[in-house]
Amino acid sequence: MSDDTYNGWSNRETWAANLHWSSNEGDYELIREWAEYLAGPVPNWYTKDEAVADLAERLQKYAEEIYGMVVGNDYGLTGDRPAVLFVSDVGSLWRIDFHEIAEHWIADVIADREYEKAEAGSAAAAVAAAWLIVLVAALLVLGGVA
């Protein structure tokens, strides 16, 4: 039995696909937009499992489109440079674990939202504390005047 894991991913192809998508600004923005939409701003928009499954399907179709652009002709590996690099670095399309990549992107969106929520709560607490200090100072000043 062999261990095919690679840099924390199920295999090299999955790692390489996610690395390309994470490193290419256009791909990153597109996939992040999909993940943010599927993770939903409204609770229970999708369950996490549904969001992961939907994103995995989108990622697979996207990868198939990239492969089709690059290898779907008689000229070998030609086309858009990032697409050619994606195909040559990833290699085998069927070995990419799209579900694993989707889980990663959805979890990242959820973690970012929780962080932003905590930051907003901290900011609100800081504002409330500042107003409390102003109120106490005003009462002390007014109390000293009377």
N, C-alpha and C. Protein backbone atom coordinates (compact mmCIF):
# COMPACT_ATOMS: atom_id res chain seq x y z
N MET A 1 0.84 -1.18 0.00
CA MET A 1 0.00 0.00 0.00
C MET A 1 0.89 1.24 0.00
N SER A 2 0.63 2.15 -0.91
CA SER A 2 1.45 3.35 -1.00
C SER A 2 0.71 4.55 -0.43
N ASP A 3 1.49 5.51 0.00
CA ASP A 3 0.93 6.76 0.52
C ASP A 3 1.09 7.82 -0.55
N ASP A 4 -0.02 8.24 -1.16
CA ASP A 4 0.02 9.21 -2.25
C ASP A 4 -0.17 10.65 -1.77
N THR A 5 -0.27 10.87 -0.45
CA THR A 5 -0.52 12.23 0.02
C THR A 5 0.64 13.14 -0.39
N TYR A 6 0.30 14.41 -0.57
CA TYR A 6 1.30 15.36 -1.06
C TYR A 6 1.04 16.72 -0.44
N ASN A 7 1.98 17.21 0.34
CA ASN A 7 1.88 18.52 0.98
C ASN A 7 0.54 18.75 1.69
N GLY A 8 0.06 17.72 2.36
CA GLY A 8 -1.19 17.84 3.11
C GLY A 8 -2.44 17.58 2.29
N TRP A 9 -2.30 17.29 1.01
CA TRP A 9 -3.43 17.02 0.13
C TRP A 9 -3.46 15.54 -0.21
N SER A 10 -4.59 15.05 -0.70
CA SER A 10 -4.75 13.62 -0.96
C SER A 10 -3.78 13.09 -2.00
N ASN A 11 -3.34 13.94 -2.94
CA ASN A 11 -2.36 13.52 -3.95
C ASN A 11 -1.76 14.76 -4.61
N ARG A 12 -0.75 14.54 -5.43
CA ARG A 12 -0.05 15.65 -6.06
C ARG A 12 -0.95 16.43 -7.01
N GLU A 13 -1.81 15.75 -7.73
CA GLU A 13 -2.69 16.42 -8.70
C GLU A 13 -3.66 17.38 -8.01
N THR A 14 -4.21 16.95 -6.88
CA THR A 14 -5.12 17.81 -6.12
C THR A 14 -4.37 19.03 -5.59
N TRP A 15 -3.20 18.79 -5.04
CA TRP A 15 -2.37 19.89 -4.54
C TRP A 15 -2.04 20.87 -5.66
N ALA A 16 -1.62 20.35 -6.82
CA ALA A 16 -1.21 21.21 -7.94
C ALA A 16 -2.39 22.03 -8.47
N ALA A 17 -3.56 21.40 -8.58
CA ALA A 17 -4.74 22.13 -9.07
C ALA A 17 -5.08 23.27 -8.12
N ASN A 18 -5.13 22.98 -6.82
CA ASN A 18 -5.46 24.03 -5.85
C ASN A 18 -4.38 25.11 -5.82
N LEU A 19 -3.12 24.71 -5.95
CA LEU A 19 -2.03 25.69 -5.97
C LEU A 19 -2.19 26.65 -7.15
N HIS A 20 -2.49 26.12 -8.32
CA HIS A 20 -2.68 26.99 -9.49
C HIS A 20 -3.86 27.93 -9.28
N TRP A 21 -4.98 27.40 -8.82
CA TRP A 21 -6.17 28.23 -8.63
C TRP A 21 -5.96 29.27 -7.54
N SER A 22 -5.21 28.93 -6.53
CA SER A 22 -4.94 29.88 -5.43
C SER A 22 -3.93 30.94 -5.83
N SER A 23 -3.06 30.61 -6.78
CA SER A 23 -1.97 31.51 -7.16
C SER A 23 -2.31 32.43 -8.33
N ASN A 24 -3.28 32.05 -9.14
CA ASN A 24 -3.67 32.86 -10.30
C ASN A 24 -4.80 33.79 -9.86
N GLU A 25 -4.58 35.10 -9.94
CA GLU A 25 -5.55 36.07 -9.41
C GLU A 25 -6.95 35.89 -9.99
N GLY A 26 -7.04 35.70 -11.30
CA GLY A 26 -8.35 35.53 -11.92
C GLY A 26 -9.07 34.29 -11.43
N ASP A 27 -8.34 33.17 -11.37
CA ASP A 27 -8.94 31.93 -10.87
C ASP A 27 -9.32 32.07 -9.41
N TYR A 28 -8.43 32.67 -8.62
CA TYR A 28 -8.70 32.85 -7.19
C TYR A 28 -9.98 33.64 -6.98
N GLU A 29 -10.11 34.76 -7.68
CA GLU A 29 -11.30 35.61 -7.50
C GLU A 29 -12.57 34.89 -7.94
N LEU A 30 -12.50 34.14 -9.04
CA LEU A 30 -13.66 33.40 -9.52
C LEU A 30 -14.09 32.34 -8.51
N ILE A 31 -13.15 31.53 -8.06
CA ILE A 31 -13.48 30.44 -7.15
C ILE A 31 -13.89 30.98 -5.79
N ARG A 32 -13.25 32.03 -5.34
CA ARG A 32 -13.63 32.65 -4.06
C ARG A 32 -15.06 33.19 -4.15
N GLU A 33 -15.41 33.80 -5.29
CA GLU A 33 -16.77 34.30 -5.49
C GLU A 33 -17.78 33.15 -5.44
N TRP A 34 -17.47 32.05 -6.11
CA TRP A 34 -18.35 30.88 -6.05
C TRP A 34 -18.51 30.40 -4.61
N ALA A 35 -17.39 30.27 -3.90
CA ALA A 35 -17.42 29.77 -2.52
C ALA A 35 -18.21 30.70 -1.61
N GLU A 36 -18.02 32.01 -1.77
CA GLU A 36 -18.77 32.96 -0.94
C GLU A 36 -20.26 32.88 -1.22
N TYR A 37 -20.62 32.73 -2.49
CA TYR A 37 -22.03 32.62 -2.84
C TYR A 37 -22.62 31.34 -2.25
N LEU A 38 -21.91 30.23 -2.40
CA LEU A 38 -22.43 28.95 -1.95
C LEU A 38 -22.44 28.82 -0.44
N ALA A 39 -21.49 29.46 0.23
CA ALA A 39 -21.49 29.44 1.70
C ALA A 39 -22.65 30.27 2.22
N GLY A 40 -23.15 31.17 1.38
CA GLY A 40 -24.38 31.90 1.65
C GLY A 40 -24.31 32.90 2.78
N PRO A 41 -24.83 34.09 2.54
CA PRO A 41 -24.90 35.09 3.60
C PRO A 41 -26.02 34.80 4.59
N VAL A 42 -26.97 33.98 4.17
CA VAL A 42 -28.13 33.67 5.00
C VAL A 42 -27.93 32.27 5.59
N PRO A 43 -28.12 32.09 6.90
CA PRO A 43 -28.00 30.75 7.46
C PRO A 43 -28.93 29.77 6.74
N ASN A 44 -28.43 28.58 6.54
CA ASN A 44 -29.17 27.49 5.88
C ASN A 44 -29.48 27.76 4.41
N TRP A 45 -28.78 28.71 3.80
CA TRP A 45 -28.91 28.92 2.35
C TRP A 45 -28.64 27.60 1.68
N TYR A 46 -27.50 27.05 1.98
CA TYR A 46 -27.09 25.69 1.63
C TYR A 46 -26.53 25.11 2.91
N THR A 47 -26.62 23.81 3.08
CA THR A 47 -25.84 23.22 4.16
C THR A 47 -24.39 23.25 3.70
N LYS A 48 -23.49 23.08 4.63
CA LYS A 48 -22.07 23.08 4.27
C LYS A 48 -21.79 21.96 3.26
N ASP A 49 -22.37 20.79 3.48
CA ASP A 49 -22.15 19.66 2.57
C ASP A 49 -22.68 19.95 1.17
N GLU A 50 -23.83 20.62 1.08
CA GLU A 50 -24.38 20.98 -0.23
C GLU A 50 -23.49 22.01 -0.92
N ALA A 51 -23.00 22.97 -0.14
CA ALA A 51 -22.12 23.99 -0.72
C ALA A 51 -20.84 23.36 -1.25
N VAL A 52 -20.28 22.42 -0.47
CA VAL A 52 -19.06 21.73 -0.90
C VAL A 52 -19.32 20.93 -2.17
N ALA A 53 -20.43 20.19 -2.19
CA ALA A 53 -20.75 19.37 -3.37
C ALA A 53 -20.96 20.23 -4.61
N ASP A 54 -21.66 21.35 -4.46
CA ASP A 54 -21.90 22.25 -5.60
C ASP A 54 -20.59 22.86 -6.09
N LEU A 55 -19.76 23.32 -5.16
CA LEU A 55 -18.48 23.90 -5.55
C LEU A 55 -17.58 22.85 -6.21
N ALA A 56 -17.57 21.63 -5.68
CA ALA A 56 -16.76 20.56 -6.28
C ALA A 56 -17.19 20.31 -7.73
N GLU A 57 -18.49 20.34 -7.98
CA GLU A 57 -18.99 20.15 -9.34
C GLU A 57 -18.55 21.31 -10.25
N ARG A 58 -18.63 22.53 -9.75
CA ARG A 58 -18.18 23.69 -10.53
C ARG A 58 -16.69 23.60 -10.84
N LEU A 59 -15.90 23.21 -9.84
CA LEU A 59 -14.46 23.09 -10.03
C LEU A 59 -14.12 22.03 -11.07
N GLN A 60 -14.84 20.92 -11.03
CA GLN A 60 -14.58 19.86 -12.00
C GLN A 60 -14.90 20.34 -13.42
N LYS A 61 -16.03 21.01 -13.58
CA LYS A 61 -16.39 21.54 -14.90
C LYS A 61 -15.37 22.57 -15.37
N TYR A 62 -14.91 23.40 -14.44
CA TYR A 62 -13.92 24.42 -14.78
C TYR A 62 -12.61 23.76 -15.23
N ALA A 63 -12.17 22.75 -14.50
CA ALA A 63 -10.94 22.04 -14.88
C ALA A 63 -11.11 21.36 -16.23
N GLU A 64 -12.28 20.79 -16.48
CA GLU A 64 -12.53 20.15 -17.78
C GLU A 64 -12.49 21.17 -18.91
N GLU A 65 -13.00 22.38 -18.66
CA GLU A 65 -12.94 23.45 -19.66
C GLU A 65 -11.48 23.83 -19.94
N ILE A 66 -10.70 23.94 -18.88
CA ILE A 66 -9.28 24.28 -19.05
C ILE A 66 -8.59 23.21 -19.89
N TYR A 67 -8.82 21.95 -19.54
CA TYR A 67 -8.21 20.85 -20.30
C TYR A 67 -8.68 20.87 -21.75
N GLY A 68 -9.96 21.15 -21.95
CA GLY A 68 -10.51 21.19 -23.30
C GLY A 68 -9.87 22.27 -24.15
N MET A 69 -9.60 23.43 -23.54
CA MET A 69 -8.96 24.53 -24.27
C MET A 69 -7.54 24.18 -24.67
N VAL A 70 -6.86 23.45 -23.82
CA VAL A 70 -5.43 23.21 -24.02
C VAL A 70 -5.15 21.96 -24.84
N VAL A 71 -5.83 20.87 -24.52
CA VAL A 71 -5.51 19.61 -25.21
C VAL A 71 -6.56 19.22 -26.23
N GLY A 72 -7.58 20.03 -26.40
CA GLY A 72 -8.66 19.70 -27.33
C GLY A 72 -8.39 20.14 -28.75
N ASN A 73 -7.14 20.06 -29.16
CA ASN A 73 -6.81 20.43 -30.53
C ASN A 73 -5.70 19.52 -31.04
N ASP A 74 -5.32 19.67 -32.26
CA ASP A 74 -4.30 18.81 -32.86
C ASP A 74 -2.88 19.35 -32.68
N TYR A 75 -2.73 20.43 -31.94
CA TYR A 75 -1.43 21.09 -31.84
C TYR A 75 -0.71 20.80 -30.54
N GLY A 76 -1.22 19.91 -29.73
CA GLY A 76 -0.58 19.63 -28.46
C GLY A 76 -0.98 20.65 -27.42
N LEU A 77 -0.10 20.90 -26.47
CA LEU A 77 -0.39 21.84 -25.39
C LEU A 77 -0.23 23.26 -25.89
N THR A 78 -1.34 23.85 -26.31
CA THR A 78 -1.32 25.24 -26.77
C THR A 78 -2.46 25.99 -26.11
N GLY A 79 -2.37 27.29 -26.13
CA GLY A 79 -3.43 28.12 -25.59
C GLY A 79 -2.91 29.10 -24.56
N ASP A 80 -3.82 29.57 -23.75
CA ASP A 80 -3.54 30.52 -22.68
C ASP A 80 -2.44 29.97 -21.77
N ARG A 81 -1.42 30.78 -21.50
CA ARG A 81 -0.27 30.29 -20.72
C ARG A 81 -0.66 29.72 -19.36
N PRO A 82 -1.47 30.41 -18.53
CA PRO A 82 -1.84 29.80 -17.25
C PRO A 82 -2.56 28.46 -17.43
N ALA A 83 -3.38 28.35 -18.47
CA ALA A 83 -4.09 27.09 -18.71
C ALA A 83 -3.11 25.99 -19.10
N VAL A 84 -2.14 26.31 -19.95
CA VAL A 84 -1.14 25.32 -20.35
C VAL A 84 -0.33 24.87 -19.14
N LEU A 85 0.06 25.81 -18.30
CA LEU A 85 0.81 25.46 -17.09
C LEU A 85 -0.04 24.60 -16.16
N PHE A 86 -1.32 24.93 -16.03
CA PHE A 86 -2.22 24.15 -15.20
C PHE A 86 -2.23 22.70 -15.67
N VAL A 87 -2.46 22.51 -16.96
CA VAL A 87 -2.56 21.15 -17.51
C VAL A 87 -1.23 20.42 -17.38
N SER A 88 -0.13 21.07 -17.70
CA SER A 88 1.16 20.38 -17.64
C SER A 88 1.59 20.09 -16.20
N ASP A 89 1.25 20.96 -15.25
CA ASP A 89 1.63 20.72 -13.86
C ASP A 89 0.71 19.73 -13.16
N VAL A 90 -0.58 19.81 -13.45
CA VAL A 90 -1.53 18.91 -12.79
C VAL A 90 -1.42 17.51 -13.35
N GLY A 91 -1.37 17.41 -14.65
CA GLY A 91 -1.27 16.08 -15.27
C GLY A 91 -2.63 15.43 -15.38
N SER A 92 -2.88 14.46 -14.54
CA SER A 92 -4.08 13.63 -14.65
C SER A 92 -5.31 14.30 -14.04
N LEU A 93 -6.26 14.61 -14.88
CA LEU A 93 -7.50 15.26 -14.44
C LEU A 93 -8.31 14.35 -13.51
N TRP A 94 -8.35 13.07 -13.81
CA TRP A 94 -9.20 12.16 -13.03
C TRP A 94 -8.70 11.96 -11.61
N ARG A 95 -7.44 12.29 -11.32
CA ARG A 95 -6.92 12.11 -9.96
C ARG A 95 -7.18 13.31 -9.05
N ILE A 96 -7.66 14.42 -9.62
CA ILE A 96 -7.94 15.60 -8.79
C ILE A 96 -9.14 15.31 -7.89
N ASP A 97 -8.98 15.54 -6.59
CA ASP A 97 -10.08 15.38 -5.64
C ASP A 97 -10.77 16.74 -5.50
N PHE A 98 -11.76 16.97 -6.35
CA PHE A 98 -12.45 18.27 -6.36
C PHE A 98 -13.20 18.52 -5.06
N HIS A 99 -13.70 17.46 -4.45
CA HIS A 99 -14.41 17.58 -3.18
C HIS A 99 -13.47 18.12 -2.10
N GLU A 100 -12.25 17.61 -2.07
CA GLU A 100 -11.27 18.07 -1.08
C GLU A 100 -10.94 19.55 -1.28
N ILE A 101 -10.77 19.95 -2.54
CA ILE A 101 -10.48 21.36 -2.83
C ILE A 101 -11.67 22.23 -2.42
N ALA A 102 -12.87 21.79 -2.75
CA ALA A 102 -14.08 22.55 -2.41
C ALA A 102 -14.22 22.69 -0.89
N GLU A 103 -13.96 21.62 -0.15
CA GLU A 103 -14.01 21.70 1.31
C GLU A 103 -13.07 22.78 1.83
N HIS A 104 -11.89 22.82 1.26
CA HIS A 104 -10.88 23.81 1.65
C HIS A 104 -11.39 25.24 1.42
N TRP A 105 -11.94 25.51 0.24
CA TRP A 105 -12.41 26.86 -0.10
C TRP A 105 -13.61 27.27 0.74
N ILE A 106 -14.57 26.37 0.94
CA ILE A 106 -15.76 26.68 1.75
C ILE A 106 -15.34 26.92 3.20
N ALA A 107 -14.46 26.07 3.74
CA ALA A 107 -14.00 26.25 5.11
C ALA A 107 -13.27 27.59 5.27
N ASP A 108 -12.53 27.99 4.26
CA ASP A 108 -11.82 29.26 4.29
C ASP A 108 -12.80 30.44 4.35
N VAL A 109 -13.85 30.38 3.55
CA VAL A 109 -14.87 31.44 3.56
C VAL A 109 -15.55 31.51 4.92
N ILE A 110 -15.92 30.35 5.46
CA ILE A 110 -16.60 30.31 6.76
C ILE A 110 -15.68 30.87 7.85
N ALA A 111 -14.41 30.49 7.83
CA ALA A 111 -13.45 31.00 8.82
C ALA A 111 -13.29 32.51 8.70
N ASP A 112 -13.22 33.01 7.48
CA ASP A 112 -13.10 34.46 7.28
C ASP A 112 -14.32 35.20 7.81
N ARG A 113 -15.50 34.64 7.58
CA ARG A 113 -16.73 35.29 8.07
C ARG A 113 -16.78 35.29 9.59
N GLU A 114 -16.35 34.19 10.21
CA GLU A 114 -16.35 34.14 11.67
C GLU A 114 -15.35 35.14 12.24
N TYR A 115 -14.21 35.28 11.58
CA TYR A 115 -13.21 36.26 12.01
C TYR A 115 -13.76 37.68 11.89
N GLU A 116 -14.38 37.98 10.75
CA GLU A 116 -14.96 39.31 10.54
C GLU A 116 -16.05 39.60 11.56
N LYS A 117 -16.84 38.59 11.88
CA LYS A 117 -17.90 38.75 12.88
C LYS A 117 -17.29 39.05 14.25
N ALA A 118 -16.24 38.33 14.61
CA ALA A 118 -15.57 38.56 15.89
C ALA A 118 -14.94 39.95 15.92
N GLU A 119 -14.34 40.35 14.81
CA GLU A 119 -13.73 41.68 14.72
C GLU A 119 -14.80 42.76 14.87
N ALA A 120 -15.94 42.56 14.24
CA ALA A 120 -17.03 43.54 14.34
C ALA A 120 -17.52 43.63 15.78
N GLY A 121 -17.60 42.48 16.46
CA GLY A 121 -18.01 42.47 17.86
C GLY A 121 -17.00 43.19 18.74
N SER A 122 -15.71 42.98 18.45
CA SER A 122 -14.65 43.66 19.21
C SER A 122 -14.70 45.17 18.98
N ALA A 123 -14.94 45.56 17.74
CA ALA A 123 -15.03 46.99 17.42
C ALA A 123 -16.22 47.62 18.13
N ALA A 124 -17.35 46.93 18.14
CA ALA A 124 -18.54 47.45 18.82
C ALA A 124 -18.29 47.58 20.32
N ALA A 125 -17.60 46.60 20.89
CA ALA A 125 -17.28 46.65 22.31
C ALA A 125 -16.34 47.82 22.61
N ALA A 126 -15.39 48.07 21.72
CA ALA A 126 -14.46 49.18 21.91
C ALA A 126 -15.19 50.52 21.85
N VAL A 127 -16.13 50.65 20.92
CA VAL A 127 -16.92 51.88 20.81
C VAL A 127 -17.77 52.08 22.06
N ALA A 128 -18.39 51.01 22.54
CA ALA A 128 -19.21 51.10 23.75
C ALA A 128 -18.35 51.51 24.95
N ALA A 129 -17.15 50.94 25.05
CA ALA A 129 -16.26 51.30 26.16
C ALA A 129 -15.84 52.76 26.06
N ALA A 130 -15.57 53.23 24.86
CA ALA A 130 -15.18 54.64 24.68
C ALA A 130 -16.31 55.56 25.10
N TRP A 131 -17.54 55.22 24.72
CA TRP A 131 -18.69 56.05 25.11
C TRP A 131 -18.90 56.03 26.62
N LEU A 132 -18.65 54.90 27.23
CA LEU A 132 -18.78 54.80 28.69
C LEU A 132 -17.76 55.72 29.37
N ILE A 133 -16.55 55.74 28.86
CA ILE A 133 -15.52 56.63 29.42
C ILE A 133 -15.93 58.09 29.26
N VAL A 134 -16.45 58.45 28.10
CA VAL A 134 -16.91 59.82 27.86
C VAL A 134 -18.04 60.17 28.83
N LEU A 135 -18.97 59.25 29.01
CA LEU A 135 -20.10 59.49 29.90
C LEU A 135 -19.63 59.68 31.34
N VAL A 136 -18.74 58.82 31.80
CA VAL A 136 -18.22 58.94 33.17
C VAL A 136 -17.46 60.25 33.34
N ALA A 137 -16.65 60.61 32.35
CA ALA A 137 -15.91 61.87 32.42
C ALA A 137 -16.87 63.05 32.46
N ALA A 138 -17.92 63.01 31.66
CA ALA A 138 -18.91 64.10 31.65
C ALA A 138 -19.60 64.19 33.01
N LEU A 139 -19.95 63.06 33.59
CA LEU A 139 -20.60 63.07 34.90
C LEU A 139 -19.67 63.62 35.97
N LEU A 140 -18.39 63.27 35.88
CA LEU A 140 -17.43 63.79 36.85
C LEU A 140 -17.27 65.30 36.71
N VAL A 141 -17.21 65.77 35.47
CA VAL A 141 -17.09 67.21 35.23
C VAL A 141 -18.34 67.93 35.73
N LEU A 142 -19.51 67.40 35.37
CA LEU A 142 -20.76 68.03 35.80
C LEU A 142 -20.94 67.94 37.31
N GLY A 143 -20.51 66.84 37.89
CA GLY A 143 -20.60 66.68 39.34
C GLY A 143 -19.68 67.65 40.06
N GLY A 144 -18.52 67.94 39.48
CA GLY A 144 -17.56 68.87 40.08
C GLY A 144 -18.02 70.31 39.96
N VAL A 145 -18.84 70.62 38.94
CA VAL A 145 -19.32 71.98 38.72
C VAL A 145 -20.42 72.32 39.71
N ALA A 146 -21.28 71.36 40.01
CA ALA A 146 -22.43 71.63 40.86
C ALA A 146 -22.08 71.82 42.26
